[in-house]
Amino acid sequence: MKILVVGAAGRIGRAVAWDLARDAAVTQLGLLGRATDPLERTRAWLGGGPRLRIHALDVEDPGLIPVLQQYQAAVLTLPDRRSSYRCVEAAIAAGTHAVDVLEEFHRTPDLCEREGLRIPEGLSLREYGEALHQRAEQRGVTVLSGLGFAPGLSNILLGHALRALDEPQSAVARVGGIPTKQSAARHPLRYMVTWSFEHVLREYSVQVAIKKDGHLVEVEAGSERETFTFDRFGQRETLECAITPGMPSFLHTRPTLAHFAEKTIRWPGHWQAIQTLKDCGLLSLSPVPFLDRAIVPRAFLSALLSPALVPQPADRDVCVLFNTTRGWSQGRMLRIEHHLWHESRAESALSAMMQVTGFPAALGARLLCQGSIAQRGIVAPEDGIRDERVPWFLQELAARRIFVEESRRMESNQAD
């Protein structure tokens, strides 16, 4: 297998490369990023060797396509929509399969806040996404779109649960990366940066499409807050979650669901603090005058908060998942739940978020190289990784000490 990691010097890219570098079946592992020095440090961290090849270039460079053509699959771990779509376009042109971890379903691009995303003249965003899908089909390319933690693992689990039901009714994904309770006490917002904070703030600011009572509706990110108790894996913690745009493919791939929403998990108090910042206009992108210049409130907030949210040496993080799927099975209402609590270990150089995002992406790249996914075009995780591939996927995660627990129970009625 020959696999290229794009963004290999970043947190998630390093986790993907770490996993692939330990697989003898990966005969060539490419590390691509803008600058040579960070890539060299990543190669040294991985142990070096002739299998590891460095490609220092920007994703806007025309040389990206020839580099991609040297590999069977690429894993894209980029922080914004502009660079992500640029790499998807290049992978399709190169005839190289791809896994993208961004919170996006590239076939139906999000209409909010483009982050510099450029589309061909004369096309709407949705027309552009469909054109990408058709181009990938014609080139015989599979793009696994949104395969990390959420979207990604959460999609796979919900899709697997829905296929177990005769008449699926509702699916709610609750997922999030949080500091441990001890680490949370040391940071503002009880939060810690585990990936692009600018993109996190975008997710807190946009309008989000969900399914409610069979209708597609838009709600504000951070709305419909819910408090729950997580009581699996020896944990018993009170947590909160709220609507975010983390799994957009489900609105396209499972249109008959009466209810669907994705909610991001945080420690209690976080969502109220975010709402206060929003109410004060600090998540706005509209410039405001300040002294002798204009500043963008959200950019200022990110610059102000980011240093205080960076993990310190003693800090650790946790990835939490609590999915609920409901529907009719043999004439009765069946509730299927999935739980995950994955905490980073002091001896590991990889955070929990790096592992739970990077390892699924690396597994997806393996499946593409092995020819295990027959669909072509832009494919959602819940469709690309299904049937016999789901137990294989979960076994591989368990071998990496990432465990998912499933429970099922019949309910007496249909009410939520």
Protein backbone atom coordinates (compact mmCIF):
# COMPACT_ATOMS: atom_id res chain seq x y z
CA MET A 1 0.00 0.00 0.00
CA LYS A 2 1.18 3.50 -0.87
CA ILE A 3 -0.52 6.23 1.15
CA LEU A 4 0.04 9.99 1.30
CA VAL A 5 -0.80 12.06 4.40
CA VAL A 6 -1.60 15.68 3.52
CA GLY A 7 -1.05 17.99 6.47
CA ALA A 8 1.34 15.47 8.00
CA ALA A 9 2.96 17.95 10.40
CA GLY A 10 -0.36 18.83 12.07
CA ARG A 11 -1.90 17.06 15.05
CA ILE A 12 -4.30 14.80 13.15
CA GLY A 13 -1.89 14.22 10.26
CA ARG A 14 0.79 13.04 12.68
CA ALA A 15 -1.66 10.56 14.24
CA VAL A 16 -2.59 9.17 10.81
CA ALA A 17 1.09 8.83 9.88
CA TRP A 18 1.91 7.24 13.26
CA ASP A 19 -0.68 4.53 12.69
CA LEU A 20 0.30 3.84 9.08
CA ALA A 21 4.04 3.83 9.82
CA ARG A 22 3.51 0.84 12.11
CA ASP A 23 1.95 -1.24 9.34
CA ALA A 24 4.47 -3.26 7.31
CA ALA A 25 1.90 -3.51 4.50
CA VAL A 26 2.36 0.25 3.90
CA THR A 27 5.37 0.14 1.61
CA GLN A 28 5.45 3.88 0.91
CA LEU A 29 4.21 6.58 3.27
CA GLY A 30 4.26 10.15 2.01
CA LEU A 31 4.29 13.18 4.31
CA LEU A 32 3.07 16.36 2.63
CA GLY A 33 3.05 19.87 4.07
CA ARG A 34 4.12 23.41 3.32
CA ALA A 35 7.57 23.40 4.94
CA THR A 36 10.43 20.91 5.00
CA ASP A 37 11.55 21.33 8.63
CA PRO A 38 8.25 20.31 10.30
CA LEU A 39 8.01 17.34 7.93
CA GLU A 40 11.57 16.30 8.76
CA ARG A 41 10.73 16.44 12.46
CA THR A 42 7.65 14.31 11.82
CA ARG A 43 9.70 11.78 9.84
CA ALA A 44 12.28 11.59 12.65
CA TRP A 45 9.48 11.20 15.24
CA LEU A 46 8.11 8.29 13.18
CA GLY A 47 11.50 6.58 13.19
CA GLY A 48 12.70 7.53 9.71
CA GLY A 49 13.49 4.93 7.08
CA PRO A 50 13.24 4.68 3.30
CA ARG A 51 9.47 4.12 3.32
CA LEU A 52 8.89 7.69 4.53
CA ARG A 53 8.96 10.32 1.79
CA ILE A 54 8.69 14.06 2.25
CA HIS A 55 6.82 16.38 -0.12
CA ALA A 56 7.15 20.05 0.86
CA LEU A 57 4.63 22.05 -1.16
CA ASP A 58 1.47 24.07 -0.76
CA VAL A 59 -1.85 22.49 -1.69
CA GLU A 60 -2.31 25.28 -4.25
CA ASP A 61 0.87 24.15 -6.04
CA PRO A 62 0.23 22.52 -9.46
CA GLY A 63 2.80 19.92 -8.42
CA LEU A 64 0.27 18.43 -5.99
CA ILE A 65 -1.34 16.28 -8.71
CA PRO A 66 1.91 14.53 -9.79
CA VAL A 67 2.68 13.82 -6.13
CA LEU A 68 -0.78 12.32 -5.57
CA GLN A 69 -0.32 10.10 -8.61
CA GLN A 70 2.51 8.32 -6.78
CA TYR A 71 0.03 6.97 -4.20
CA GLN A 72 -3.02 4.72 -4.12
CA ALA A 73 -4.77 6.78 -1.44
CA ALA A 74 -4.36 10.10 0.36
CA VAL A 75 -5.56 11.14 3.80
CA LEU A 76 -6.43 14.84 3.93
CA THR A 77 -6.08 16.41 7.37
CA LEU A 78 -6.46 20.10 6.56
CA PRO A 79 -7.95 22.81 8.81
CA ASP A 80 -10.26 24.71 6.46
CA ARG A 81 -12.68 24.29 3.58
CA ARG A 82 -10.58 26.04 0.92
CA SER A 83 -7.58 23.73 1.28
CA SER A 84 -9.76 20.64 1.77
CA TYR A 85 -11.71 21.12 -1.46
CA ARG A 86 -8.53 21.99 -3.34
CA CYS A 87 -7.03 18.65 -2.32
CA VAL A 88 -10.21 16.74 -3.15
CA GLU A 89 -10.14 18.27 -6.63
CA ALA A 90 -6.46 17.34 -7.03
CA ALA A 91 -7.03 13.76 -5.84
CA ILE A 92 -9.84 13.30 -8.36
CA ALA A 93 -7.68 14.72 -11.15
CA ALA A 94 -4.81 12.42 -10.11
CA GLY A 95 -7.03 9.33 -9.97
CA THR A 96 -6.09 8.80 -6.31
CA HIS A 97 -8.59 7.67 -3.67
CA ALA A 98 -8.90 9.99 -0.69
CA VAL A 99 -10.09 10.18 2.91
CA ASP A 100 -10.95 13.66 4.21
CA VAL A 101 -11.43 14.29 7.94
CA LEU A 102 -13.06 17.74 7.62
CA GLU A 103 -16.56 18.23 9.07
CA GLU A 104 -18.05 18.39 5.62
CA PHE A 105 -19.87 16.20 3.12
CA HIS A 106 -18.20 17.37 -0.05
CA ARG A 107 -21.11 16.29 -2.25
CA THR A 108 -23.42 18.80 -0.52
CA PRO A 109 -21.15 21.67 0.60
CA ASP A 110 -22.22 23.73 3.60
CA LEU A 111 -23.72 27.04 2.51
CA CYS A 112 -22.41 28.96 5.56
CA GLU A 113 -19.05 30.70 5.91
CA ARG A 114 -16.93 29.51 2.99
CA GLU A 115 -13.52 29.94 4.68
CA GLY A 116 -12.08 31.01 1.34
CA LEU A 117 -13.64 28.11 -0.59
CA ARG A 118 -13.56 28.88 -4.30
CA ILE A 119 -15.99 27.38 -6.80
CA PRO A 120 -16.01 27.51 -10.61
CA GLU A 121 -17.80 30.49 -12.08
CA GLY A 122 -21.43 29.83 -12.94
CA LEU A 123 -21.92 27.04 -10.37
CA SER A 124 -23.75 27.19 -7.06
CA LEU A 125 -22.14 25.45 -4.08
CA ARG A 126 -24.48 22.48 -4.39
CA GLU A 127 -23.89 22.23 -8.14
CA TYR A 128 -20.16 22.30 -7.47
CA GLY A 129 -20.43 19.45 -4.95
CA GLU A 130 -22.45 17.31 -7.35
CA ALA A 131 -19.97 18.06 -10.15
CA LEU A 132 -17.13 16.86 -7.91
CA HIS A 133 -19.06 13.66 -7.19
CA GLN A 134 -19.70 12.98 -10.87
CA ARG A 135 -16.09 13.72 -11.78
CA ALA A 136 -14.88 11.28 -9.12
CA GLU A 137 -17.25 8.60 -10.43
CA GLN A 138 -15.95 9.11 -13.97
CA ARG A 139 -12.34 8.87 -12.78
CA GLY A 140 -13.03 5.73 -10.75
CA VAL A 141 -12.08 7.55 -7.55
CA THR A 142 -13.60 7.12 -4.08
CA VAL A 143 -13.54 10.07 -1.69
CA LEU A 144 -14.52 9.04 1.84
CA SER A 145 -15.84 12.40 2.96
CA GLY A 146 -15.77 13.21 6.67
CA LEU A 147 -14.03 10.14 8.10
CA GLY A 148 -12.55 10.91 11.49
CA PHE A 149 -14.31 10.92 14.86
CA ALA A 150 -17.42 12.99 14.11
CA PRO A 151 -18.02 12.93 11.29
CA GLY A 152 -16.60 9.47 10.80
CA LEU A 153 -16.81 6.86 13.54
CA SER A 154 -20.09 8.34 14.76
CA ASN A 155 -21.57 8.07 11.25
CA ILE A 156 -20.47 4.45 10.94
CA LEU A 157 -22.11 3.52 14.25
CA LEU A 158 -25.38 5.32 13.48
CA GLY A 159 -25.51 3.79 10.01
CA HIS A 160 -24.89 0.32 11.44
CA ALA A 161 -27.64 0.78 14.03
CA LEU A 162 -30.14 2.08 11.49
CA ARG A 163 -29.61 -0.97 9.27
CA ALA A 164 -30.62 -3.17 12.24
CA LEU A 165 -34.10 -1.58 12.29
CA ASP A 166 -37.11 -2.43 10.15
CA GLU A 167 -38.36 1.19 10.20
CA PRO A 168 -35.78 3.69 11.46
CA GLN A 169 -37.30 6.74 13.16
CA SER A 170 -34.63 8.86 14.82
CA ALA A 171 -30.88 9.19 15.31
CA VAL A 172 -29.05 11.55 17.64
CA ALA A 173 -25.25 11.66 17.75
CA ARG A 174 -23.62 13.17 20.84
CA VAL A 175 -19.88 13.47 20.44
CA GLY A 176 -17.06 15.67 21.61
CA GLY A 177 -13.48 16.15 22.64
CA ILE A 178 -13.08 17.60 26.14
CA PRO A 179 -10.27 18.00 28.67
CA THR A 180 -10.21 15.65 31.62
CA LYS A 181 -12.01 17.18 34.59
CA GLN A 182 -8.67 18.10 36.19
CA SER A 183 -7.38 19.70 32.99
CA ALA A 184 -10.66 21.53 32.35
CA ALA A 185 -10.27 23.41 35.62
CA ARG A 186 -7.05 24.96 34.32
CA HIS A 187 -8.51 26.47 31.11
CA PRO A 188 -11.13 29.10 30.19
CA LEU A 189 -14.48 27.73 29.01
CA ARG A 190 -13.48 24.38 30.56
CA TYR A 191 -12.10 23.64 27.10
CA MET A 192 -8.76 22.78 25.51
CA VAL A 193 -7.64 23.10 21.89
CA THR A 194 -7.32 19.67 20.29
CA TRP A 195 -7.62 20.84 16.67
CA SER A 196 -8.22 24.08 14.73
CA PHE A 197 -9.85 26.51 17.20
CA GLU A 198 -10.84 28.84 14.35
CA HIS A 199 -12.89 26.03 12.84
CA VAL A 200 -14.42 25.27 16.25
CA LEU A 201 -15.61 28.88 16.48
CA ARG A 202 -17.07 28.59 12.99
CA GLU A 203 -19.05 25.52 14.10
CA TYR A 204 -20.38 27.52 17.05
CA SER A 205 -21.58 30.33 14.77
CA VAL A 206 -23.38 28.87 11.76
CA GLN A 207 -26.97 27.84 11.10
CA VAL A 208 -27.38 24.05 11.20
CA ALA A 209 -29.81 21.88 9.27
CA ILE A 210 -31.47 19.09 11.26
CA LYS A 211 -34.50 16.81 10.85
CA LYS A 212 -37.43 17.43 13.18
CA ASP A 213 -40.84 15.75 12.90
CA GLY A 214 -39.99 14.70 9.35
CA HIS A 215 -39.08 18.22 8.22
CA LEU A 216 -35.73 19.72 7.36
CA VAL A 217 -35.28 22.83 9.53
CA GLU A 218 -32.44 25.21 10.33
CA VAL A 219 -31.49 26.02 13.91
CA GLU A 220 -28.73 28.04 15.50
CA ALA A 221 -25.53 26.24 16.47
CA GLY A 222 -25.41 25.86 20.24
CA SER A 223 -29.18 25.55 20.54
CA GLU A 224 -31.26 22.67 21.98
CA ARG A 225 -28.86 22.13 24.86
CA GLU A 226 -29.20 18.81 26.65
CA THR A 227 -27.76 17.59 29.96
CA PHE A 228 -27.10 13.87 30.42
CA THR A 229 -25.17 11.47 32.61
CA PHE A 230 -22.48 9.34 31.01
CA ASP A 231 -22.22 6.13 33.05
CA ARG A 232 -20.11 3.66 31.08
CA PHE A 233 -16.50 2.48 31.17
CA GLY A 234 -16.26 3.13 34.91
CA GLN A 235 -17.21 6.80 34.47
CA ARG A 236 -20.14 8.70 35.89
CA GLU A 237 -20.07 12.30 34.69
CA THR A 238 -22.68 14.96 34.03
CA LEU A 239 -22.13 16.46 30.58
CA GLU A 240 -23.90 18.87 28.26
CA CYS A 241 -24.33 18.88 24.49
CA ALA A 242 -25.78 21.24 21.90
CA ILE A 243 -26.50 21.31 18.16
CA THR A 244 -23.47 21.61 15.84
CA PRO A 245 -22.91 20.86 12.12
CA GLY A 246 -20.69 17.82 12.66
CA MET A 247 -22.37 15.10 10.53
CA PRO A 248 -23.93 16.78 7.47
CA SER A 249 -23.96 13.70 5.25
CA PHE A 250 -26.86 12.12 7.16
CA LEU A 251 -29.33 14.66 5.81
CA HIS A 252 -28.39 13.47 2.32
CA THR A 253 -27.94 9.73 2.87
CA ARG A 254 -30.82 9.12 5.33
CA PRO A 255 -33.54 11.53 4.15
CA THR A 256 -36.45 9.44 5.48
CA LEU A 257 -35.49 9.83 9.15
CA ALA A 258 -38.12 11.72 11.13
CA HIS A 259 -35.51 13.09 13.55
CA PHE A 260 -31.77 13.63 13.19
CA ALA A 261 -29.31 15.90 14.95
CA GLU A 262 -25.65 15.98 15.87
CA LYS A 263 -24.69 17.54 19.19
CA THR A 264 -21.24 18.39 20.52
CA ILE A 265 -20.41 17.33 24.09
CA ARG A 266 -18.82 19.76 26.54
CA TRP A 267 -18.47 20.13 30.30
CA PRO A 268 -21.38 21.93 32.03
CA GLY A 269 -21.13 25.69 31.71
CA HIS A 270 -19.30 25.73 28.39
CA TRP A 271 -22.33 26.23 26.19
CA GLN A 272 -23.73 29.02 28.36
CA ALA A 273 -20.36 30.80 28.17
CA ILE A 274 -20.32 30.45 24.39
CA GLN A 275 -23.83 31.87 24.17
CA THR A 276 -22.72 34.86 26.24
CA LEU A 277 -19.81 35.47 23.84
CA LYS A 278 -22.22 35.24 20.90
CA ASP A 279 -24.68 37.62 22.54
CA CYS A 280 -21.83 40.10 22.99
CA GLY A 281 -20.98 39.90 19.27
CA LEU A 282 -17.59 38.27 19.83
CA LEU A 283 -18.23 35.46 17.33
CA SER A 284 -19.15 37.86 14.54
CA LEU A 285 -17.14 38.14 11.33
CA SER A 286 -18.24 41.74 10.72
CA PRO A 287 -15.34 44.16 11.35
CA VAL A 288 -15.82 46.73 14.08
CA PRO A 289 -13.81 49.94 14.65
CA PHE A 290 -11.24 49.78 17.44
CA LEU A 291 -8.86 52.68 18.10
CA ASP A 292 -7.38 53.51 14.70
CA ARG A 293 -8.29 50.27 12.90
CA ALA A 294 -11.05 47.75 12.28
CA ILE A 295 -10.92 44.29 13.85
CA VAL A 296 -12.90 41.11 13.24
CA PRO A 297 -14.36 40.07 16.62
CA ARG A 298 -14.05 36.32 16.06
CA ALA A 299 -10.44 36.57 14.87
CA PHE A 300 -9.62 38.75 17.88
CA LEU A 301 -11.33 36.29 20.25
CA SER A 302 -9.44 33.36 18.73
CA ALA A 303 -6.11 35.16 19.04
CA LEU A 304 -6.91 36.13 22.63
CA LEU A 305 -8.15 32.75 23.84
CA SER A 306 -5.99 30.29 21.90
CA PRO A 307 -2.85 30.67 24.07
CA ALA A 308 -4.91 29.99 27.20
CA LEU A 309 -6.48 26.89 25.65
CA VAL A 310 -3.28 25.18 24.53
CA PRO A 311 -2.71 21.90 26.42
CA GLN A 312 0.01 22.07 29.07
CA PRO A 313 2.39 19.15 29.76
CA ALA A 314 0.20 17.75 32.54
CA ASP A 315 -3.06 18.10 30.57
CA ARG A 316 -4.93 15.19 29.03
CA ASP A 317 -8.06 14.99 26.93
CA VAL A 318 -11.06 12.69 26.51
CA CYS A 319 -13.20 11.79 23.51
CA VAL A 320 -16.80 10.98 24.40
CA LEU A 321 -19.57 9.46 22.27
CA PHE A 322 -23.18 8.72 23.18
CA ASN A 323 -25.35 7.89 20.16
CA THR A 324 -29.03 7.01 20.32
CA THR A 325 -30.88 5.33 17.44
CA ARG A 326 -34.56 4.40 17.57
CA GLY A 327 -37.00 2.65 15.27
CA TRP A 328 -39.39 -0.23 14.78
CA SER A 329 -38.09 -3.80 14.93
CA GLN A 330 -40.44 -6.78 14.77
CA GLY A 331 -43.37 -4.56 15.67
CA ARG A 332 -41.76 -2.95 18.72
CA MET A 333 -39.76 0.20 19.30
CA LEU A 334 -36.05 -0.65 19.65
CA ARG A 335 -33.48 1.73 21.12
CA ILE A 336 -29.83 1.16 20.19
CA GLU A 337 -27.12 3.09 22.01
CA HIS A 338 -23.39 3.36 21.45
CA HIS A 339 -20.92 4.65 24.02
CA LEU A 340 -17.24 5.55 23.89
CA TRP A 341 -14.95 7.12 26.49
CA HIS A 342 -11.37 7.32 25.29
CA GLU A 343 -8.86 9.14 27.48
CA SER A 344 -5.32 9.99 26.47
CA ARG A 345 -2.57 8.28 28.42
CA ALA A 346 0.34 10.06 30.06
CA GLU A 347 2.85 7.86 28.24
CA SER A 348 1.37 8.52 24.79
CA ALA A 349 2.55 11.27 22.46
CA LEU A 350 -0.92 11.29 20.88
CA SER A 351 -3.91 13.03 22.40
CA ALA A 352 -7.26 11.23 22.55
CA MET A 353 -8.57 13.45 19.75
CA MET A 354 -5.55 12.68 17.58
CA GLN A 355 -6.16 8.96 18.05
CA VAL A 356 -9.94 8.88 17.67
CA THR A 357 -9.79 11.07 14.57
CA GLY A 358 -6.55 9.90 12.98
CA PHE A 359 -6.89 6.14 13.44
CA PRO A 360 -10.31 5.84 11.70
CA ALA A 361 -8.94 7.91 8.79
CA ALA A 362 -5.92 5.61 8.53
CA LEU A 363 -8.21 2.55 8.55
CA GLY A 364 -10.32 4.10 5.80
CA ALA A 365 -7.20 4.59 3.66
CA ARG A 366 -6.32 0.91 4.14
CA LEU A 367 -9.78 -0.14 2.95
CA LEU A 368 -9.41 2.03 -0.15
CA CYS A 369 -6.01 0.57 -0.98
CA GLN A 370 -7.32 -2.96 -0.51
CA GLY A 371 -10.25 -2.35 -2.87
CA SER A 372 -12.75 -3.14 -0.12
CA ILE A 373 -15.01 -0.19 -0.95
CA ALA A 374 -16.69 -0.54 -4.34
CA GLN A 375 -18.61 2.76 -4.41
CA ARG A 376 -17.10 5.54 -6.48
CA GLY A 377 -17.59 9.26 -6.15
CA ILE A 378 -17.98 11.15 -2.89
CA VAL A 379 -19.05 8.55 -0.33
CA ALA A 380 -20.24 9.13 3.24
CA PRO A 381 -18.72 7.00 6.04
CA GLU A 382 -22.08 5.41 6.86
CA ASP A 383 -22.27 4.04 3.31
CA GLY A 384 -18.60 3.30 2.62
CA ILE A 385 -17.99 1.37 5.84
CA ARG A 386 -20.90 -0.96 6.41
CA ASP A 387 -21.89 -4.62 6.75
CA GLU A 388 -18.86 -6.85 7.39
CA ARG A 389 -16.54 -3.86 7.36
CA VAL A 390 -18.08 -2.49 10.58
CA PRO A 391 -16.98 -5.33 12.91
CA TRP A 392 -13.55 -5.29 11.25
CA PHE A 393 -13.32 -1.54 11.82
CA LEU A 394 -14.32 -1.82 15.49
CA GLN A 395 -11.91 -4.73 16.06
CA GLU A 396 -9.08 -2.65 14.60
CA LEU A 397 -9.97 0.25 16.90
CA ALA A 398 -10.11 -2.10 19.88
CA ALA A 399 -6.61 -3.32 18.99
CA ARG A 400 -5.62 0.34 19.39
CA ARG A 401 -7.38 0.48 22.80
CA ILE A 402 -10.35 2.47 21.49
CA PHE A 403 -13.47 0.65 22.62
CA VAL A 404 -17.13 1.10 21.63
CA GLU A 405 -19.95 -0.39 23.69
CA GLU A 406 -23.38 -1.16 22.21
CA SER A 407 -26.63 -1.70 24.09
CA ARG A 408 -30.15 -2.50 22.86
CA ARG A 409 -33.49 -2.40 24.61
CA MET A 410 -37.13 -2.52 23.64
CA GLU A 411 -39.30 0.46 24.60
CA SER A 412 -42.93 0.42 25.56
CA ASN A 413 -43.95 3.28 23.24
CA GLN A 414 -42.78 5.55 20.45
CA ALA A 415 -42.44 8.74 22.45
CA ASP A 416 -39.03 10.37 22.79
